[in-house]
Amino acid sequence: MSTEVETKYPTAPAPEGRSVASTEPASNHGAPWRRRRYQIAAGLVAIAVIAAVTANGFLARQYSPDGAVRQYLAALQSGDAATAWAEIQISAPTQPVAAALLDEAALQAAFAQSKPDVRSFDITSTTVVDASSSLVAFSYQTSSGTKQYKFLVERSGQRRFGLYPVWQLVVPPAVLQVTVPAGSGGLAVDGKALDLAVGASYTLALLPVVHKIEFKASQMLTAQAIKVDATFSAGRTVNYQPKLTPAGAAEAQGAIAAYLAGCGKQIDLSPNGCPQSYSNPFIGSGTWQLVGDPTRDLALNFDQNLNPTATGHFQMVISYQEAGIDGVNHWPSSGGYKAALALTASDVSVISVISAKDLPGLQRPDGATDQAAKDLVTKAFGACAAAKSASPADCPQGLAFTDVTNVSWALSGDPLAGATVTFDQATGLLTVKGKFSMTSTYYVNGYSSGRPSYTTSFEAYLLWNGQALQLVTIAGDF
């Protein structure tokens, strides 16, 4: 027989109003620390859900048409060529081009020279074109004000994280028209030399950003670099004005002087390729002579096709003989000229020189005073009065018939007393005008006779030869 002993533990008296449900120890499920652990876990799950939703929203916005435009514009602002390139696809040029710089290396080279002028931007609208393309419009602030533009954005076949479609901007190239002048050292874009012949115009396809267009130097032309902002531009013309080097300018001046000196040796009244001209139905030829320096006011320029030209003023005198005139007569031809030049990398030559109007006027030389002109004409009148012919060359007087002998002339009064002197800025010609009185005595068929000159007015023409005034002729008039 065994004896079992049951041990009973004393129980605490139940609080008033409560009954004791059990004599076993209480359960641990309601411990406060366990409840906090569950709350923290639930909070973390909630945070993770919120973060996932936020991240999804962010990525959804990033991988969207307007998100692609935002990233591209931000890359332009920062000069980030890699990011900008990832956001675009370049469409092919719509016209033939001589050279195309449309790859990522070209974008990096352009950004190395200058960033686009985009200070800030704001997406203004997104318009769905179809399931795979949208139009995104935006405004952007530049140094010259606010401008507007829009991109066509297309969905590519790629996805990010297996979920988000990749959108890319369809960017047309900027088509630049550029002329490479003859005589230059060639052309470079953003530091890359292009294999283009000089003396021709070209169409270039470039990325629509800022570019540095360089015209290389030669012995005749200086180097020049031009910044062309083609940002969001479909086409531009490079406005470039070549400039001769000092050696080139000296070469051009010497070539023009030599060419006009050759014109001064022509015998035609109006030589081809020369600016001088004289109209006289009674003669067929004469001998031209250049007066003064035709390059004293030389201006060197380039025309709209970047061909070199030059303008200035010339002075020439033709000597000729005419029936009924005793001696060699002279006549001036002067005025503006325009020279067409041919340029190589080491030489300048003249193609032709023609007469030109509407050029800046000449300044009257200090030594070409009214009194100096009158003194020369007074002296010439003395020589004309001593002439022994009916119509002496370069003199104003004359008889209506020439079959006379023993002719002598007498001048009455001072023909310069009331004379006027004018200077023509267009031609450089000084003209002295006035009245004169001359009487002749002569023999006709052995009989003595006499009569006054049938001309009573005169016009004397003078040119400045660089040192002094030179009288060309005194013409008579009724």
Protein backbone atom coordinates (compact mmCIF):
# COMPACT_ATOMS: atom_id res chain seq x y z
CA MET A 1 0.00 0.00 0.00
CA SER A 2 1.28 3.33 -0.95
CA THR A 3 0.47 6.66 0.27
CA GLU A 4 0.25 9.73 -2.22
CA VAL A 5 0.58 13.07 -0.78
CA GLU A 6 -1.05 16.01 -2.72
CA THR A 7 0.54 19.28 -2.22
CA LYS A 8 -1.73 22.32 -2.46
CA TYR A 9 -0.44 25.81 -2.83
CA PRO A 10 -2.09 28.53 -1.01
CA THR A 11 -4.03 30.91 -3.19
CA ALA A 12 -4.27 34.58 -2.73
CA PRO A 13 -7.65 35.81 -1.86
CA ALA A 14 -9.56 37.01 -4.94
CA PRO A 15 -10.27 40.65 -5.11
CA GLU A 16 -13.68 41.65 -4.02
CA GLY A 17 -16.24 41.07 -6.67
CA ARG A 18 -14.11 38.61 -8.66
CA SER A 19 -14.05 34.84 -8.62
CA VAL A 20 -11.04 32.73 -9.17
CA ALA A 21 -11.35 30.94 -12.51
CA SER A 22 -8.38 28.67 -12.22
CA THR A 23 -5.66 27.73 -9.88
CA GLU A 24 -3.09 27.35 -12.83
CA PRO A 25 -0.50 29.98 -13.59
CA ALA A 26 -1.61 32.83 -15.96
CA SER A 27 -0.83 32.66 -19.78
CA ASN A 28 2.07 34.78 -21.44
CA HIS A 29 0.13 35.76 -24.72
CA GLY A 30 -0.87 39.17 -23.52
CA ALA A 31 2.63 40.35 -22.54
CA PRO A 32 3.22 44.02 -23.45
CA TRP A 33 6.62 43.47 -25.12
CA ARG A 34 5.05 40.99 -27.54
CA ARG A 35 2.32 43.40 -28.49
CA ARG A 36 4.97 46.09 -29.33
CA ARG A 37 6.88 43.69 -31.55
CA TYR A 38 3.80 43.04 -33.62
CA GLN A 39 3.10 46.77 -33.90
CA ILE A 40 6.65 47.50 -35.10
CA ALA A 41 6.45 44.73 -37.65
CA ALA A 42 3.16 46.05 -38.92
CA GLY A 43 4.60 49.56 -39.15
CA LEU A 44 7.57 48.35 -41.15
CA VAL A 45 5.30 46.56 -43.53
CA ALA A 46 3.23 49.72 -43.95
CA ILE A 47 6.35 51.78 -44.56
CA ALA A 48 7.59 49.27 -47.10
CA VAL A 49 4.25 49.40 -48.88
CA ILE A 50 4.27 53.19 -48.92
CA ALA A 51 7.88 53.24 -50.14
CA ALA A 52 7.05 50.75 -52.85
CA VAL A 53 4.09 52.82 -53.98
CA THR A 54 6.18 56.01 -53.91
CA ALA A 55 9.07 54.38 -55.76
CA ASN A 56 6.67 52.98 -58.31
CA GLY A 57 5.18 56.43 -58.81
CA PHE A 58 8.62 57.98 -59.14
CA LEU A 59 9.80 55.39 -61.66
CA ALA A 60 6.53 55.62 -63.54
CA ARG A 61 7.04 59.37 -63.88
CA GLN A 62 10.69 58.94 -64.79
CA TYR A 63 9.98 56.34 -67.47
CA SER A 64 7.31 58.41 -69.18
CA PRO A 65 7.31 60.81 -72.15
CA ASP A 66 7.59 63.95 -70.01
CA GLY A 67 10.09 62.21 -67.73
CA ALA A 68 12.37 61.55 -70.70
CA VAL A 69 12.13 65.21 -71.72
CA ARG A 70 12.93 66.33 -68.16
CA GLN A 71 16.01 64.16 -68.02
CA TYR A 72 17.20 65.35 -71.42
CA LEU A 73 16.77 69.03 -70.54
CA ALA A 74 18.50 68.54 -67.19
CA ALA A 75 21.39 66.85 -69.01
CA LEU A 76 21.64 69.83 -71.37
CA GLN A 77 21.80 72.16 -68.39
CA SER A 78 24.58 70.21 -66.71
CA GLY A 79 26.47 69.32 -69.86
CA ASP A 80 26.04 65.60 -69.24
CA ALA A 81 26.55 64.16 -72.73
CA ALA A 82 26.11 60.50 -71.69
CA THR A 83 22.70 61.08 -70.08
CA ALA A 84 21.53 63.35 -72.89
CA TRP A 85 22.55 60.77 -75.50
CA ALA A 86 20.67 57.99 -73.69
CA GLU A 87 17.44 59.97 -73.90
CA ILE A 88 17.37 60.64 -77.65
CA GLN A 89 17.22 59.00 -81.03
CA ILE A 90 18.50 61.06 -83.96
CA SER A 91 16.40 61.04 -87.09
CA ALA A 92 18.11 60.94 -90.47
CA PRO A 93 18.68 64.20 -92.41
CA THR A 94 15.90 64.91 -94.87
CA GLN A 95 18.32 66.27 -97.49
CA PRO A 96 21.77 65.37 -98.82
CA VAL A 97 24.59 66.63 -96.60
CA ALA A 98 28.33 66.92 -97.13
CA ALA A 99 29.10 65.78 -93.59
CA ALA A 100 27.12 64.45 -90.62
CA LEU A 101 28.32 64.61 -86.99
CA LEU A 102 25.46 62.87 -85.20
CA ASP A 103 26.99 60.36 -82.77
CA GLU A 104 27.68 60.43 -79.04
CA ALA A 105 31.29 61.50 -79.61
CA ALA A 106 30.02 64.53 -81.53
CA LEU A 107 27.73 65.40 -78.60
CA GLN A 108 30.61 65.12 -76.14
CA ALA A 109 32.79 67.31 -78.37
CA ALA A 110 30.04 69.94 -78.61
CA PHE A 111 29.48 69.98 -74.83
CA ALA A 112 33.25 70.35 -74.34
CA GLN A 113 33.00 73.66 -76.22
CA SER A 114 29.80 75.08 -74.73
CA LYS A 115 26.61 74.01 -72.99
CA PRO A 116 23.20 74.94 -74.43
CA ASP A 117 21.63 78.12 -73.13
CA VAL A 118 18.92 76.46 -71.00
CA ARG A 119 18.70 78.15 -67.59
CA SER A 120 15.43 76.58 -66.46
CA PHE A 121 12.50 74.74 -67.99
CA ASP A 122 8.90 73.77 -67.33
CA ILE A 123 6.84 71.03 -68.96
CA THR A 124 3.62 72.67 -70.14
CA SER A 125 1.69 69.80 -71.71
CA THR A 126 1.81 66.19 -72.83
CA THR A 127 -0.40 65.11 -75.70
CA VAL A 128 -0.84 61.44 -76.53
CA VAL A 129 -0.45 60.87 -80.25
CA ASP A 130 -0.93 57.11 -80.19
CA ALA A 131 -0.11 54.13 -77.98
CA SER A 132 3.62 54.51 -78.61
CA SER A 133 4.19 58.25 -79.03
CA SER A 134 3.39 61.56 -77.38
CA LEU A 135 4.10 65.24 -77.92
CA VAL A 136 5.67 66.97 -74.93
CA ALA A 137 5.65 70.78 -74.95
CA PHE A 138 7.79 72.87 -72.66
CA SER A 139 9.02 76.39 -72.08
CA TYR A 140 12.60 77.20 -71.25
CA GLN A 141 14.43 80.25 -70.03
CA THR A 142 17.52 81.51 -71.90
CA SER A 143 19.77 84.53 -71.60
CA SER A 144 17.61 86.23 -74.22
CA GLY A 145 14.21 85.36 -72.72
CA THR A 146 11.63 82.60 -72.57
CA LYS A 147 11.12 80.29 -75.54
CA GLN A 148 8.80 77.42 -76.43
CA TYR A 149 9.47 74.04 -78.01
CA LYS A 150 8.00 70.53 -78.22
CA PHE A 151 9.45 67.06 -78.74
CA LEU A 152 7.94 63.96 -80.24
CA VAL A 153 8.67 61.19 -77.73
CA GLU A 154 8.42 57.53 -78.76
CA ARG A 155 8.34 54.35 -76.73
CA SER A 156 11.25 52.04 -77.52
CA GLY A 157 11.22 48.28 -77.23
CA GLN A 158 13.26 48.37 -74.03
CA ARG A 159 12.03 48.18 -70.43
CA ARG A 160 13.63 49.07 -67.14
CA PHE A 161 13.33 46.61 -64.27
CA GLY A 162 11.17 44.52 -66.57
CA LEU A 163 8.23 46.87 -65.95
CA TYR A 164 8.76 50.41 -67.14
CA PRO A 165 8.91 51.28 -70.86
CA VAL A 166 11.84 53.40 -72.05
CA TRP A 167 10.82 56.58 -73.90
CA GLN A 168 13.18 58.49 -76.19
CA LEU A 169 13.01 61.93 -77.77
CA VAL A 170 12.96 61.94 -81.57
CA VAL A 171 15.53 64.65 -82.34
CA PRO A 172 15.95 65.92 -85.91
CA PRO A 173 19.48 67.07 -86.81
CA ALA A 174 20.28 70.75 -87.19
CA VAL A 175 21.12 71.47 -90.82
CA LEU A 176 23.82 74.13 -91.15
CA GLN A 177 24.64 75.97 -94.35
CA VAL A 178 28.27 77.03 -94.45
CA THR A 179 30.58 78.44 -97.11
CA VAL A 180 34.28 77.67 -96.93
CA PRO A 181 36.01 80.55 -98.74
CA ALA A 182 38.74 80.02 -101.26
CA GLY A 183 42.13 80.57 -99.72
CA SER A 184 41.17 79.40 -96.23
CA GLY A 185 42.89 76.60 -94.34
CA GLY A 186 39.74 74.47 -94.13
CA LEU A 187 36.85 73.92 -91.71
CA ALA A 188 36.50 72.23 -88.31
CA VAL A 189 33.41 71.62 -86.14
CA ASP A 190 33.95 71.35 -82.37
CA GLY A 191 37.61 70.58 -82.96
CA LYS A 192 37.05 67.94 -85.66
CA ALA A 193 38.51 68.86 -89.07
CA LEU A 194 36.20 68.16 -92.01
CA ASP A 195 37.53 66.98 -95.35
CA LEU A 196 35.88 69.68 -97.46
CA ALA A 197 37.33 71.52 -100.42
CA VAL A 198 37.65 75.29 -100.04
CA GLY A 199 35.84 77.73 -102.25
CA ALA A 200 32.42 76.05 -102.03
CA SER A 201 29.22 75.97 -99.94
CA TYR A 202 28.10 72.92 -97.97
CA THR A 203 25.21 71.52 -95.97
CA LEU A 204 26.16 69.92 -92.64
CA ALA A 205 24.00 67.77 -90.37
CA LEU A 206 24.85 68.41 -86.71
CA LEU A 207 23.25 67.74 -83.36
CA PRO A 208 20.88 70.54 -82.30
CA VAL A 209 23.12 72.01 -79.61
CA VAL A 210 25.80 74.73 -79.51
CA HIS A 211 28.73 74.28 -81.88
CA LYS A 212 32.09 75.92 -82.48
CA ILE A 213 32.69 76.40 -86.21
CA GLU A 214 36.34 77.08 -86.97
CA PHE A 215 37.71 78.49 -90.21
CA LYS A 216 41.38 77.59 -90.28
CA ALA A 217 44.06 80.17 -91.05
CA SER A 218 46.14 80.38 -94.22
CA GLN A 219 48.81 82.78 -95.39
CA MET A 220 46.06 84.97 -96.88
CA LEU A 221 43.21 84.57 -94.34
CA THR A 222 43.11 84.80 -90.57
CA ALA A 223 41.68 82.02 -88.42
CA GLN A 224 38.20 82.63 -87.05
CA ALA A 225 35.94 80.71 -84.68
CA ILE A 226 32.18 81.25 -84.64
CA LYS A 227 29.75 80.05 -81.98
CA VAL A 228 26.55 78.75 -83.57
CA ASP A 229 23.64 78.05 -81.21
CA ALA A 230 21.56 75.40 -82.98
CA THR A 231 19.71 74.32 -79.80
CA PHE A 232 16.22 73.09 -80.74
CA SER A 233 16.88 74.40 -84.27
CA ALA A 234 16.20 72.62 -87.55
CA GLY A 235 18.38 74.83 -89.74
CA ARG A 236 20.87 77.67 -89.55
CA THR A 237 23.21 79.56 -91.84
CA VAL A 238 26.69 80.23 -90.52
CA ASN A 239 27.26 83.96 -90.88
CA TYR A 240 30.96 84.38 -91.44
CA GLN A 241 32.98 87.28 -92.81
CA PRO A 242 36.52 86.30 -93.84
CA LYS A 243 39.38 88.62 -93.01
CA LEU A 244 42.63 88.98 -94.89
CA THR A 245 45.90 88.76 -93.01
CA PRO A 246 48.28 91.74 -93.28
CA ALA A 247 50.19 89.75 -95.89
CA GLY A 248 46.96 89.03 -97.74
CA ALA A 249 45.92 92.70 -97.70
CA ALA A 250 49.32 93.77 -98.99
CA GLU A 251 49.14 91.12 -101.72
CA ALA A 252 45.69 92.34 -102.76
CA GLN A 253 46.75 95.97 -102.80
CA GLY A 254 49.79 95.21 -104.95
CA ALA A 255 47.74 93.10 -107.36
CA ILE A 256 45.13 95.86 -107.84
CA ALA A 257 47.77 98.55 -108.35
CA ALA A 258 49.55 96.43 -110.98
CA TYR A 259 46.27 95.57 -112.72
CA LEU A 260 45.15 99.21 -112.99
CA ALA A 261 48.61 100.22 -114.17
CA GLY A 262 48.06 97.71 -116.97
CA CYS A 263 44.67 99.30 -117.69
CA GLY A 264 46.55 102.58 -117.98
CA LYS A 265 48.47 101.18 -120.94
CA GLN A 266 45.42 100.24 -123.00
CA ILE A 267 44.58 101.95 -126.30
CA ASP A 268 40.86 101.16 -126.56
CA LEU A 269 38.47 103.92 -125.57
CA SER A 270 36.67 101.53 -123.20
CA PRO A 271 38.98 98.56 -122.52
CA ASN A 272 37.37 95.29 -121.39
CA GLY A 273 37.98 94.49 -117.73
CA CYS A 274 39.02 98.08 -116.96
CA PRO A 275 37.06 100.93 -115.35
CA GLN A 276 38.00 103.85 -117.62
CA SER A 277 35.95 104.98 -120.60
CA TYR A 278 35.83 107.81 -123.15
CA SER A 279 33.19 108.41 -125.80
CA ASN A 280 34.19 110.32 -128.95
CA PRO A 281 32.72 109.42 -132.35
CA PHE A 282 35.63 111.08 -134.18
CA ILE A 283 38.40 108.86 -132.83
CA GLY A 284 38.92 105.10 -132.54
CA SER A 285 41.74 104.81 -130.03
CA GLY A 286 44.04 106.67 -127.71
CA THR A 287 46.67 106.16 -125.06
CA TRP A 288 45.62 105.90 -121.42
CA GLN A 289 47.74 106.97 -118.49
CA LEU A 290 47.11 106.30 -114.80
CA VAL A 291 47.21 109.35 -112.53
CA GLY A 292 47.99 109.02 -108.83
CA ASP A 293 47.63 105.94 -106.62
CA PRO A 294 44.40 104.00 -107.27
CA THR A 295 44.73 102.18 -103.93
CA ARG A 296 44.92 105.28 -101.72
CA ASP A 297 41.36 104.63 -100.43
CA LEU A 298 41.27 100.89 -101.09
CA ALA A 299 38.62 98.92 -99.19
CA LEU A 300 38.86 95.11 -99.15
CA ASN A 301 35.67 93.11 -98.64
CA PHE A 302 33.98 89.78 -99.33
CA ASP A 303 30.71 89.42 -101.22
CA GLN A 304 27.74 87.26 -100.19
CA ASN A 305 29.45 84.20 -101.67
CA LEU A 306 32.61 85.01 -99.67
CA ASN A 307 34.56 85.93 -102.79
CA PRO A 308 37.07 88.73 -102.17
CA THR A 309 36.37 92.14 -103.70
CA ALA A 310 37.94 95.58 -103.51
CA THR A 311 36.67 99.10 -104.06
CA GLY A 312 38.44 102.38 -104.52
CA HIS A 313 38.84 105.31 -106.90
CA PHE A 314 40.90 105.62 -110.07
CA GLN A 315 42.05 108.57 -112.20
CA MET A 316 43.15 108.23 -115.81
CA VAL A 317 43.80 110.52 -118.75
CA ILE A 318 43.51 109.56 -122.41
CA SER A 319 45.71 111.19 -125.04
CA TYR A 320 44.44 111.24 -128.63
CA GLN A 321 44.59 113.09 -131.91
CA GLU A 322 41.50 114.27 -133.71
CA ALA A 323 40.95 115.72 -137.14
CA GLY A 324 40.68 119.50 -136.98
CA ILE A 325 42.58 119.70 -133.67
CA ASP A 326 46.19 120.80 -133.75
CA GLY A 327 48.26 118.67 -131.37
CA VAL A 328 47.50 115.95 -128.84
CA ASN A 329 44.29 116.41 -126.93
CA HIS A 330 43.56 114.97 -123.46
CA TRP A 331 40.47 113.97 -121.51
CA PRO A 332 39.97 112.70 -117.95
CA SER A 333 38.19 109.53 -116.86
CA SER A 334 37.88 109.01 -113.12
CA GLY A 335 35.56 107.61 -110.50
CA GLY A 336 34.90 104.60 -108.34
CA TYR A 337 35.83 101.05 -109.21
CA LYS A 338 35.07 97.56 -107.97
CA ALA A 339 37.60 94.76 -108.39
CA ALA A 340 36.77 91.04 -108.44
CA LEU A 341 39.62 89.08 -106.87
CA ALA A 342 40.69 85.44 -106.90
CA LEU A 343 42.14 84.04 -103.68
CA THR A 344 44.30 81.03 -102.93
CA ALA A 345 45.99 80.06 -99.68
CA SER A 346 49.13 81.96 -100.77
CA ASP A 347 48.13 84.45 -103.47
CA VAL A 348 45.65 87.14 -104.54
CA SER A 349 45.01 87.99 -108.18
CA VAL A 350 42.63 90.35 -110.01
CA ILE A 351 39.93 88.98 -112.30
CA SER A 352 38.50 92.27 -113.51
CA VAL A 353 37.88 95.87 -112.49
CA ILE A 354 34.69 97.70 -113.40
CA SER A 355 33.40 101.21 -112.83
CA ALA A 356 31.32 101.55 -109.68
CA LYS A 357 29.05 104.18 -108.18
CA ASP A 358 27.63 104.84 -104.73
CA LEU A 359 30.99 104.46 -103.02
CA PRO A 360 32.07 106.63 -100.09
CA GLY A 361 33.15 110.01 -101.41
CA LEU A 362 36.72 111.17 -101.72
CA GLN A 363 38.12 113.87 -99.48
CA ARG A 364 39.47 116.91 -101.24
CA PRO A 365 43.26 117.00 -100.81
CA ASP A 366 44.59 119.86 -98.74
CA GLY A 367 46.79 121.03 -101.60
CA ALA A 368 43.96 121.11 -104.11
CA THR A 369 42.87 124.65 -103.27
CA ASP A 370 40.80 126.94 -105.45
CA GLN A 371 43.75 129.27 -105.87
CA ALA A 372 46.12 126.47 -106.88
CA ALA A 373 43.62 125.36 -109.52
CA LYS A 374 43.12 128.91 -110.84
CA ASP A 375 46.87 129.48 -111.03
CA LEU A 376 47.29 126.43 -113.27
CA VAL A 377 44.41 127.47 -115.51
CA THR A 378 45.74 131.05 -115.77
CA LYS A 379 49.11 129.70 -116.90
CA ALA A 380 47.41 127.40 -119.43
CA PHE A 381 45.39 130.32 -120.84
CA GLY A 382 48.63 132.13 -121.49
CA ALA A 383 49.89 129.14 -123.48
CA CYS A 384 46.58 128.90 -125.37
CA ALA A 385 46.74 132.61 -126.27
CA ALA A 386 50.19 132.01 -127.74
CA ALA A 387 48.97 129.14 -129.94
CA LYS A 388 49.32 129.51 -133.74
CA SER A 389 46.44 127.30 -134.90
CA ALA A 390 42.72 127.65 -135.44
CA SER A 391 41.88 124.93 -132.86
CA PRO A 392 44.81 124.17 -130.58
CA ALA A 393 44.64 121.01 -128.44
CA ASP A 394 43.61 121.38 -124.79
CA CYS A 395 42.54 125.00 -125.37
CA PRO A 396 39.03 126.48 -125.25
CA GLN A 397 39.16 128.77 -128.30
CA GLY A 398 38.44 127.85 -131.89
CA LEU A 399 37.50 129.05 -135.36
CA ALA A 400 34.62 127.68 -137.38
CA PHE A 401 36.95 126.92 -140.32
CA THR A 402 40.48 125.63 -140.45
CA ASP A 403 41.80 126.62 -143.91
CA VAL A 404 43.60 129.64 -142.52
CA THR A 405 47.24 130.49 -142.00
CA ASN A 406 49.31 132.70 -139.76
CA VAL A 407 46.82 132.44 -136.93
CA SER A 408 47.39 134.37 -133.72
CA TRP A 409 45.22 134.90 -130.67
CA ALA A 410 44.76 137.75 -128.24
CA LEU A 411 43.23 137.25 -124.77
CA SER A 412 41.09 140.06 -123.41
CA GLY A 413 40.70 140.47 -119.65
CA ASP A 414 41.20 137.86 -116.92
CA PRO A 415 39.17 134.70 -117.60
CA LEU A 416 39.62 133.62 -113.98
CA ALA A 417 38.17 136.79 -112.50
CA GLY A 418 34.70 135.37 -112.13
CA ALA A 419 35.54 131.68 -112.40
CA THR A 420 34.20 129.05 -109.96
CA VAL A 421 35.96 125.94 -108.69
CA THR A 422 34.17 122.72 -107.68
CA PHE A 423 35.40 119.37 -106.37
CA ASP A 424 33.53 116.17 -107.25
CA GLN A 425 33.81 113.65 -104.40
CA ALA A 426 32.64 110.82 -106.67
CA THR A 427 35.42 111.30 -109.25
CA GLY A 428 38.09 113.39 -107.54
CA LEU A 429 37.87 115.82 -110.44
CA LEU A 430 38.27 119.58 -109.94
CA THR A 431 36.44 121.74 -112.45
CA VAL A 432 37.09 125.42 -113.05
CA LYS A 433 34.32 127.19 -114.98
CA GLY A 434 34.23 130.71 -116.37
CA LYS A 435 33.94 133.05 -119.33
CA PHE A 436 36.75 134.16 -121.64
CA SER A 437 37.26 136.46 -124.57
CA MET A 438 39.79 135.74 -127.35
CA THR A 439 40.14 137.30 -130.77
CA SER A 440 42.05 135.79 -133.66
CA THR A 441 43.89 137.27 -136.62
CA TYR A 442 44.75 135.13 -139.64
CA TYR A 443 45.16 134.98 -143.39
CA VAL A 444 42.69 133.48 -145.85
CA ASN A 445 43.84 133.13 -149.42
CA GLY A 446 46.49 135.72 -148.77
CA TYR A 447 44.15 138.22 -147.16
CA SER A 448 44.33 139.29 -143.57
CA SER A 449 41.25 138.79 -141.44
CA GLY A 450 40.19 138.26 -137.88
CA ARG A 451 37.29 137.32 -135.67
CA PRO A 452 36.59 136.28 -132.06
CA SER A 453 36.53 132.65 -130.93
CA TYR A 454 33.20 130.96 -131.56
CA THR A 455 33.40 129.61 -127.99
CA THR A 456 33.10 131.99 -125.07
CA SER A 457 32.89 129.73 -122.02
CA PHE A 458 35.43 127.26 -120.66
CA GLU A 459 35.67 124.28 -118.35
CA ALA A 460 39.09 123.28 -117.09
CA TYR A 461 39.58 119.79 -115.59
CA LEU A 462 42.24 119.01 -113.03
CA LEU A 463 43.27 115.90 -111.07
CA TRP A 464 45.36 115.41 -107.94
CA ASN A 465 48.32 113.16 -108.72
CA GLY A 466 49.23 112.58 -105.11
CA GLN A 467 51.69 115.47 -104.94
CA ALA A 468 50.05 118.37 -106.74
CA LEU A 469 47.22 119.36 -109.04
CA GLN A 470 47.60 118.35 -112.67
CA LEU A 471 45.74 120.21 -115.42
CA VAL A 472 44.22 117.79 -117.93
CA THR A 473 42.54 120.06 -120.46
CA ILE A 474 40.56 123.27 -120.96
CA ALA A 475 37.43 122.67 -123.03
CA GLY A 476 35.54 125.43 -124.76
CA ASP A 477 31.78 125.85 -124.87
CA PHE A 478 29.30 128.25 -126.42
